[in-house]
């Protein structure tokens, strides 16, 4: 799935991911590919993106500090707006 983390004038992360874990307003949640669409607010914390490097089965982990924001999930990906 495609994951984008962006501010008004800057993209902090853009890439393919296996999963996205975020601090949701009601608790931590993990989004996987083909997830049901949803929109929710986020608390301050870390967005954790897990992705695979081409030709390898090893997962790469990216952590992005977020001050809170809005998460939109679609069938093909997720966008966090800070």
PDB file of N, CA and C in Angstrom:
ATOM      1  N   UNK A   1       0.851  -1.174   0.000  1.00  0.00           N
ATOM      2  CA  UNK A   1       0.000   0.000   0.000  1.00  0.00           C
ATOM      3  C   UNK A   1       0.894   1.233   0.000  1.00  0.00           C
ATOM      4  N   UNK A   2       0.370   2.306  -0.509  1.00  0.00           N
ATOM      5  CA  UNK A   2       1.099   3.572  -0.572  1.00  0.00           C
ATOM      6  C   UNK A   2       0.834   4.368   0.706  1.00  0.00           C
ATOM      7  N   UNK A   3       1.907   4.852   1.367  1.00  0.00           N
ATOM      8  CA  UNK A   3       1.775   5.656   2.580  1.00  0.00           C
ATOM      9  C   UNK A   3       2.405   7.022   2.332  1.00  0.00           C
ATOM     10  N   UNK A   4       1.670   8.069   2.711  1.00  0.00           N
ATOM     11  CA  UNK A   4       2.167   9.447   2.595  1.00  0.00           C
ATOM     12  C   UNK A   4       1.964  10.121   3.949  1.00  0.00           C
ATOM     13  N   UNK A   5       3.022  10.774   4.441  1.00  0.00           N
ATOM     14  CA  UNK A   5       2.935  11.606   5.640  1.00  0.00           C
ATOM     15  C   UNK A   5       3.372  12.993   5.211  1.00  0.00           C
ATOM     16  N   UNK A   6       2.472  13.978   5.353  1.00  0.00           N
ATOM     17  CA  UNK A   6       2.762  15.302   4.802  1.00  0.00           C
ATOM     18  C   UNK A   6       2.277  16.436   5.692  1.00  0.00           C
ATOM     19  N   UNK A   7       3.024  17.546   5.617  1.00  0.00           N
ATOM     20  CA  UNK A   7       2.601  18.822   6.181  1.00  0.00           C
ATOM     21  C   UNK A   7       2.115  19.652   5.005  1.00  0.00           C
ATOM     22  N   UNK A   8       1.655  20.855   5.257  1.00  0.00           N
ATOM     23  CA  UNK A   8       1.149  21.716   4.196  1.00  0.00           C
ATOM     24  C   UNK A   8       2.198  21.926   3.106  1.00  0.00           C
ATOM     25  N   UNK A   9       3.437  22.157   3.483  1.00  0.00           N
ATOM     26  CA  UNK A   9       4.478  22.496   2.504  1.00  0.00           C
ATOM     27  C   UNK A   9       5.613  21.478   2.420  1.00  0.00           C
ATOM     28  N   UNK A  10       5.442  20.281   3.004  1.00  0.00           N
ATOM     29  CA  UNK A  10       6.545  19.325   3.051  1.00  0.00           C
ATOM     30  C   UNK A  10       6.022  17.899   3.146  1.00  0.00           C
ATOM     31  N   UNK A  11       6.645  16.969   2.407  1.00  0.00           N
ATOM     32  CA  UNK A  11       6.330  15.550   2.521  1.00  0.00           C
ATOM     33  C   UNK A  11       7.401  14.909   3.386  1.00  0.00           C
ATOM     34  N   UNK A  12       6.991  14.303   4.518  1.00  0.00           N
ATOM     35  CA  UNK A  12       7.936  13.682   5.440  1.00  0.00           C
ATOM     36  C   UNK A  12       8.233  12.236   5.059  1.00  0.00           C
ATOM     37  N   UNK A  13       7.255  11.553   4.437  1.00  0.00           N
ATOM     38  CA  UNK A  13       7.459  10.171   3.981  1.00  0.00           C
ATOM     39  C   UNK A  13       6.500   9.905   2.837  1.00  0.00           C
ATOM     40  N   UNK A  14       6.995   9.202   1.845  1.00  0.00           N
ATOM     41  CA  UNK A  14       6.162   8.758   0.737  1.00  0.00           C
ATOM     42  C   UNK A  14       6.763   7.464   0.206  1.00  0.00           C
ATOM     43  N   UNK A  15       6.010   6.386   0.270  1.00  0.00           N
ATOM     44  CA  UNK A  15       6.535   5.124  -0.225  1.00  0.00           C
ATOM     45  C   UNK A  15       5.566   3.984   0.006  1.00  0.00           C
ATOM     46  N   UNK A  16       5.962   2.805  -0.470  1.00  0.00           N
ATOM     47  CA  UNK A  16       5.152   1.601  -0.305  1.00  0.00           C
ATOM     48  C   UNK A  16       5.419   0.999   1.064  1.00  0.00           C
ATOM     49  N   UNK A  17       4.401   0.391   1.652  1.00  0.00           N
ATOM     50  CA  UNK A  17       4.524  -0.176   2.987  1.00  0.00           C
ATOM     51  C   UNK A  17       3.736  -1.466   3.108  1.00  0.00           C
ATOM     52  N   UNK A  18       4.166  -2.297   4.034  1.00  0.00           N
ATOM     53  CA  UNK A  18       3.444  -3.511   4.391  1.00  0.00           C
ATOM     54  C   UNK A  18       2.405  -3.169   5.456  1.00  0.00           C
ATOM     55  N   UNK A  19       2.797  -2.271   6.395  1.00  0.00           N
ATOM     56  CA  UNK A  19       1.863  -1.857   7.439  1.00  0.00           C
ATOM     57  C   UNK A  19       2.217  -0.457   7.937  1.00  0.00           C
ATOM     58  N   UNK A  20       1.242   0.173   8.586  1.00  0.00           N
ATOM     59  CA  UNK A  20       1.395   1.497   9.182  1.00  0.00           C
ATOM     60  C   UNK A  20       0.759   1.445  10.561  1.00  0.00           C
ATOM     61  N   UNK A  21       1.539   1.766  11.610  1.00  0.00           N
ATOM     62  CA  UNK A  21       1.021   1.799  12.980  1.00  0.00           C
ATOM     63  C   UNK A  21       1.042   3.247  13.448  1.00  0.00           C
ATOM     64  N   UNK A  22      -0.093   3.710  13.986  1.00  0.00           N
ATOM     65  CA  UNK A  22      -0.233   5.115  14.387  1.00  0.00           C
ATOM     66  C   UNK A  22      -0.915   5.222  15.748  1.00  0.00           C
ATOM     67  N   UNK A  23      -0.679   6.354  16.457  1.00  0.00           N
ATOM     68  CA  UNK A  23      -1.357   6.594  17.725  1.00  0.00           C
ATOM     69  C   UNK A  23      -2.730   7.230  17.492  1.00  0.00           C
ATOM     70  N   UNK A  24      -3.735   6.422  17.332  1.00  0.00           N
ATOM     71  CA  UNK A  24      -5.078   6.930  17.092  1.00  0.00           C
ATOM     72  C   UNK A  24      -5.658   7.594  18.327  1.00  0.00           C
ATOM     73  N   UNK A  25      -6.677   8.393  18.145  1.00  0.00           N
ATOM     74  CA  UNK A  25      -7.322   9.089  19.249  1.00  0.00           C
ATOM     75  C   UNK A  25      -7.879   8.107  20.285  1.00  0.00           C
ATOM     76  N   UNK A  26      -8.278   6.924  19.855  1.00  0.00           N
ATOM     77  CA  UNK A  26      -8.835   5.903  20.756  1.00  0.00           C
ATOM     78  C   UNK A  26      -7.820   4.829  21.116  1.00  0.00           C
ATOM     79  N   UNK A  27      -6.564   4.972  20.682  1.00  0.00           N
ATOM     80  CA  UNK A  27      -5.529   3.975  20.955  1.00  0.00           C
ATOM     81  C   UNK A  27      -4.744   3.657  19.700  1.00  0.00           C
ATOM     82  N   UNK A  28      -3.679   2.888  19.871  1.00  0.00           N
ATOM     83  CA  UNK A  28      -2.809   2.539  18.754  1.00  0.00           C
ATOM     84  C   UNK A  28      -3.543   1.642  17.763  1.00  0.00           C
ATOM     85  N   UNK A  29      -3.317   1.874  16.472  1.00  0.00           N
ATOM     86  CA  UNK A  29      -3.931   1.043  15.440  1.00  0.00           C
ATOM     87  C   UNK A  29      -2.924   0.748  14.337  1.00  0.00           C
ATOM     88  N   UNK A  30      -3.067  -0.426  13.734  1.00  0.00           N
ATOM     89  CA  UNK A  30      -2.211  -0.835  12.625  1.00  0.00           C
ATOM     90  C   UNK A  30      -3.072  -1.009  11.386  1.00  0.00           C
ATOM     91  N   UNK A  31      -2.617  -0.389  10.304  1.00  0.00           N
ATOM     92  CA  UNK A  31      -3.309  -0.442   9.020  1.00  0.00           C
ATOM     93  C   UNK A  31      -2.523  -1.368   8.094  1.00  0.00           C
ATOM     94  N   UNK A  32      -3.226  -2.294   7.450  1.00  0.00           N
ATOM     95  CA  UNK A  32      -2.618  -3.194   6.470  1.00  0.00           C
ATOM     96  C   UNK A  32      -3.225  -2.915   5.100  1.00  0.00           C
ATOM     97  N   UNK A  33      -2.643  -3.465   4.057  1.00  0.00           N
ATOM     98  CA  UNK A  33      -3.177  -3.306   2.710  1.00  0.00           C
ATOM     99  C   UNK A  33      -4.624  -3.782   2.627  1.00  0.00           C
ATOM    100  N   UNK A  34      -5.418  -3.156   1.773  1.00  0.00           N
ATOM    101  CA  UNK A  34      -6.831  -3.492   1.565  1.00  0.00           C
ATOM    102  C   UNK A  34      -7.687  -3.200   2.796  1.00  0.00           C
ATOM    103  N   UNK A  35      -7.235  -2.321   3.682  1.00  0.00           N
ATOM    104  CA  UNK A  35      -7.997  -1.962   4.885  1.00  0.00           C
ATOM    105  C   UNK A  35      -9.273  -1.225   4.489  1.00  0.00           C
ATOM    106  N   UNK A  36     -10.301  -1.378   5.289  1.00  0.00           N
ATOM    107  CA  UNK A  36     -11.538  -0.639   5.050  1.00  0.00           C
ATOM    108  C   UNK A  36     -11.266   0.859   5.137  1.00  0.00           C
ATOM    109  N   UNK A  37     -11.875   1.656   4.288  1.00  0.00           N
ATOM    110  CA  UNK A  37     -11.670   3.109   4.341  1.00  0.00           C
ATOM    111  C   UNK A  37     -12.114   3.690   5.689  1.00  0.00           C
ATOM    112  N   UNK A  38     -11.349   4.662   6.177  1.00  0.00           N
ATOM    113  CA  UNK A  38     -11.708   5.359   7.410  1.00  0.00           C
ATOM    114  C   UNK A  38     -10.981   6.687   7.476  1.00  0.00           C
ATOM    115  N   UNK A  39     -11.506   7.580   8.306  1.00  0.00           N
ATOM    116  CA  UNK A  39     -10.859   8.866   8.603  1.00  0.00           C
ATOM    117  C   UNK A  39     -10.900   9.013  10.121  1.00  0.00           C
ATOM    118  N   UNK A  40      -9.758   9.349  10.738  1.00  0.00           N
ATOM    119  CA  UNK A  40      -9.706   9.504  12.187  1.00  0.00           C
ATOM    120  C   UNK A  40      -8.631  10.509  12.572  1.00  0.00           C
ATOM    121  N   UNK A  41      -8.735  11.022  13.779  1.00  0.00           N
ATOM    122  CA  UNK A  41      -7.708  11.929  14.293  1.00  0.00           C
ATOM    123  C   UNK A  41      -6.607  11.112  14.956  1.00  0.00           C
ATOM    124  N   UNK A  42      -5.418  11.715  15.033  1.00  0.00           N
ATOM    125  CA  UNK A  42      -4.257  11.071  15.635  1.00  0.00           C
ATOM    126  C   UNK A  42      -3.745  11.910  16.797  1.00  0.00           C
ATOM    127  N   UNK A  43      -3.183  11.228  17.798  1.00  0.00           N
ATOM    128  CA  UNK A  43      -2.524  11.896  18.908  1.00  0.00           C
ATOM    129  C   UNK A  43      -1.042  12.044  18.578  1.00  0.00           C
ATOM    130  N   UNK A  44      -0.341  12.837  19.381  1.00  0.00           N
ATOM    131  CA  UNK A  44       1.107  12.966  19.233  1.00  0.00           C
ATOM    132  C   UNK A  44       1.768  11.620  19.537  1.00  0.00           C
ATOM    133  N   UNK A  45       2.821  11.319  18.801  1.00  0.00           N
ATOM    134  CA  UNK A  45       3.543  10.060  18.980  1.00  0.00           C
ATOM    135  C   UNK A  45       4.363   9.747  17.748  1.00  0.00           C
ATOM    136  N   UNK A  46       4.420   8.476  17.390  1.00  0.00           N
ATOM    137  CA  UNK A  46       5.203   8.049  16.237  1.00  0.00           C
ATOM    138  C   UNK A  46       4.342   7.264  15.257  1.00  0.00           C
ATOM    139  N   UNK A  47       4.512   7.554  13.970  1.00  0.00           N
ATOM    140  CA  UNK A  47       3.955   6.725  12.909  1.00  0.00           C
ATOM    141  C   UNK A  47       5.062   5.733  12.550  1.00  0.00           C
ATOM    142  N   UNK A  48       4.757   4.455  12.590  1.00  0.00           N
ATOM    143  CA  UNK A  48       5.747   3.416  12.303  1.00  0.00           C
ATOM    144  C   UNK A  48       5.358   2.735  10.998  1.00  0.00           C
ATOM    145  N   UNK A  49       6.228   2.862  10.009  1.00  0.00           N
ATOM    146  CA  UNK A  49       5.983   2.300   8.680  1.00  0.00           C
ATOM    147  C   UNK A  49       6.900   1.105   8.496  1.00  0.00           C
ATOM    148  N   UNK A  50       6.321  -0.031   8.147  1.00  0.00           N
ATOM    149  CA  UNK A  50       7.116  -1.233   7.862  1.00  0.00           C
ATOM    150  C   UNK A  50       7.034  -1.497   6.361  1.00  0.00           C
ATOM    151  N   UNK A  51       8.207  -1.654   5.752  1.00  0.00           N
ATOM    152  CA  UNK A  51       8.249  -1.888   4.307  1.00  0.00           C
ATOM    153  C   UNK A  51       9.273  -2.973   4.003  1.00  0.00           C
ATOM    154  N   UNK A  52       9.194  -3.521   2.799  1.00  0.00           N
ATOM    155  CA  UNK A  52      10.151  -4.535   2.356  1.00  0.00           C
ATOM    156  C   UNK A  52      11.067  -3.938   1.309  1.00  0.00           C
ATOM    157  N   UNK A  53      12.346  -4.265   1.426  1.00  0.00           N
ATOM    158  CA  UNK A  53      13.307  -3.857   0.418  1.00  0.00           C
ATOM    159  C   UNK A  53      13.212  -4.851  -0.741  1.00  0.00           C
ATOM    160  N   UNK A  54      13.309  -4.340  -1.959  1.00  0.00           N
ATOM    161  CA  UNK A  54      13.213  -5.226  -3.125  1.00  0.00           C
ATOM    162  C   UNK A  54      14.241  -6.331  -3.045  1.00  0.00           C
ATOM    163  N   UNK A  55      13.804  -7.561  -3.328  1.00  0.00           N
ATOM    164  CA  UNK A  55      14.706  -8.699  -3.343  1.00  0.00           C
ATOM    165  C   UNK A  55      15.027  -9.252  -1.966  1.00  0.00           C
ATOM    166  N   UNK A  56      14.370  -8.765  -0.928  1.00  0.00           N
ATOM    167  CA  UNK A  56      14.642  -9.222   0.431  1.00  0.00           C
ATOM    168  C   UNK A  56      13.324  -9.437   1.164  1.00  0.00           C
ATOM    169  N   UNK A  57      13.323 -10.389   2.093  1.00  0.00           N
ATOM    170  CA  UNK A  57      12.126 -10.613   2.904  1.00  0.00           C
ATOM    171  C   UNK A  57      12.207  -9.860   4.225  1.00  0.00           C
ATOM    172  N   UNK A  58      13.339  -9.188   4.464  1.00  0.00           N
ATOM    173  CA  UNK A  58      13.537  -8.440   5.706  1.00  0.00           C
ATOM    174  C   UNK A  58      12.714  -7.151   5.706  1.00  0.00           C
ATOM    175  N   UNK A  59      12.078  -6.866   6.842  1.00  0.00           N
ATOM    176  CA  UNK A  59      11.278  -5.647   6.957  1.00  0.00           C
ATOM    177  C   UNK A  59      12.149  -4.473   7.387  1.00  0.00           C
ATOM    178  N   UNK A  60      11.936  -3.347   6.730  1.00  0.00           N
ATOM    179  CA  UNK A  60      12.580  -2.094   7.125  1.00  0.00           C
ATOM    180  C   UNK A  60      11.564  -1.312   7.954  1.00  0.00           C
ATOM    181  N   UNK A  61      12.022  -0.674   9.028  1.00  0.00           N
ATOM    182  CA  UNK A  61      11.129   0.081   9.898  1.00  0.00           C
ATOM    183  C   UNK A  61      11.520   1.548   9.862  1.00  0.00           C
ATOM    184  N   UNK A  62      10.551   2.402   9.547  1.00  0.00           N
ATOM    185  CA  UNK A  62      10.745   3.858   9.527  1.00  0.00           C
ATOM    186  C   UNK A  62       9.855   4.439  10.623  1.00  0.00           C
ATOM    187  N   UNK A  63      10.416   5.292  11.462  1.00  0.00           N
ATOM    188  CA  UNK A  63       9.622   5.968  12.494  1.00  0.00           C
ATOM    189  C   UNK A  63       9.601   7.458  12.191  1.00  0.00           C
ATOM    190  N   UNK A  64       8.407   8.039  12.187  1.00  0.00           N
ATOM    191  CA  UNK A  64       8.249   9.466  11.939  1.00  0.00           C
ATOM    192  C   UNK A  64       7.490  10.060  13.126  1.00  0.00           C
ATOM    193  N   UNK A  65       8.108  11.020  13.819  1.00  0.00           N
ATOM    194  CA  UNK A  65       7.433  11.690  14.931  1.00  0.00           C
ATOM    195  C   UNK A  65       6.314  12.563  14.376  1.00  0.00           C
ATOM    196  N   UNK A  66       5.144  12.460  14.998  1.00  0.00           N
ATOM    197  CA  UNK A  66       4.013  13.278  14.559  1.00  0.00           C
ATOM    198  C   UNK A  66       3.428  14.018  15.770  1.00  0.00           C
ATOM    199  N   UNK A  67       2.995  15.252  15.573  1.00  0.00           N
ATOM    200  CA  UNK A  67       2.413  16.036  16.666  1.00  0.00           C
ATOM    201  C   UNK A  67       0.912  15.809  16.832  1.00  0.00           C
ATOM    202  N   UNK A  68       0.370  14.862  16.105  1.00  0.00           N
ATOM    203  CA  UNK A  68      -1.071  14.658  15.987  1.00  0.00           C
ATOM    204  C   UNK A  68      -1.421  14.901  14.535  1.00  0.00           C
ATOM    205  N   UNK A  69      -2.654  14.791  14.194  1.00  0.00           N
ATOM    206  CA  UNK A  69      -3.040  15.042  12.808  1.00  0.00           C
ATOM    207  C   UNK A  69      -4.278  14.274  12.419  1.00  0.00           C
ATOM    208  N   UNK A  70      -4.393  14.024  11.125  1.00  0.00           N
ATOM    209  CA  UNK A  70      -5.552  13.361  10.549  1.00  0.00           C
ATOM    210  C   UNK A  70      -5.074  12.212   9.675  1.00  0.00           C
ATOM    211  N   UNK A  71      -5.700  11.049   9.829  1.00  0.00           N
ATOM    212  CA  UNK A  71      -5.377   9.869   9.028  1.00  0.00           C
ATOM    213  C   UNK A  71      -6.549   9.551   8.118  1.00  0.00           C
ATOM    214  N   UNK A  72      -6.258   9.412   6.830  1.00  0.00           N
ATOM    215  CA  UNK A  72      -7.254   8.938   5.863  1.00  0.00           C
ATOM    216  C   UNK A  72      -6.745   7.621   5.305  1.00  0.00           C
ATOM    217  N   UNK A  73      -7.567   6.578   5.392  1.00  0.00           N
ATOM    218  CA  UNK A  73      -7.208   5.261   4.862  1.00  0.00           C
ATOM    219  C   UNK A  73      -8.116   4.956   3.687  1.00  0.00           C
ATOM    220  N   UNK A  74      -7.495   4.501   2.591  1.00  0.00           N
ATOM    221  CA  UNK A  74      -8.216   4.056   1.401  1.00  0.00           C
ATOM    222  C   UNK A  74      -7.825   2.603   1.138  1.00  0.00           C
ATOM    223  N   UNK A  75      -8.497   1.941   0.261  1.00  0.00           N
ATOM    224  CA  UNK A  75      -8.153   0.549  -0.072  1.00  0.00           C
ATOM    225  C   UNK A  75      -6.721   0.425  -0.577  1.00  0.00           C
ATOM    226  N   UNK A  76      -6.203   1.466  -1.265  1.00  0.00           N
ATOM    227  CA  UNK A  76      -4.873   1.381  -1.870  1.00  0.00           C
ATOM    228  C   UNK A  76      -3.788   2.073  -1.050  1.00  0.00           C
ATOM    229  N   UNK A  77      -4.128   2.624   0.132  1.00  0.00           N
ATOM    230  CA  UNK A  77      -3.087   3.288   0.902  1.00  0.00           C
ATOM    231  C   UNK A  77      -3.627   4.166   2.014  1.00  0.00           C
ATOM    232  N   UNK A  78      -2.713   4.943   2.593  1.00  0.00           N
ATOM    233  CA  UNK A  78      -3.074   5.796   3.718  1.00  0.00           C
ATOM    234  C   UNK A  78      -2.305   7.120   3.621  1.00  0.00           C
ATOM    235  N   UNK A  79      -2.958   8.193   4.077  1.00  0.00           N
ATOM    236  CA  UNK A  79      -2.333   9.523   4.098  1.00  0.00           C
ATOM    237  C   UNK A  79      -2.507  10.115   5.487  1.00  0.00           C
ATOM    238  N   UNK A  80      -1.404  10.631   6.041  1.00  0.00           N
ATOM    239  CA  UNK A  80      -1.446  11.366   7.302  1.00  0.00           C
ATOM    240  C   UNK A  80      -1.166  12.821   6.979  1.00  0.00           C
ATOM    241  N   UNK A  81      -2.070  13.697   7.413  1.00  0.00           N
ATOM    242  CA  UNK A  81      -1.899  15.139   7.240  1.00  0.00           C
ATOM    243  C   UNK A  81      -1.614  15.721   8.606  1.00  0.00           C
ATOM    244  N   UNK A  82      -0.491  16.425   8.719  1.00  0.00           N
ATOM    245  CA  UNK A  82      -0.092  17.028   9.990  1.00  0.00           C
ATOM    246  C   UNK A  82      -0.453  18.490  10.025  1.00  0.00           C
TER     247      UNK A  82
END
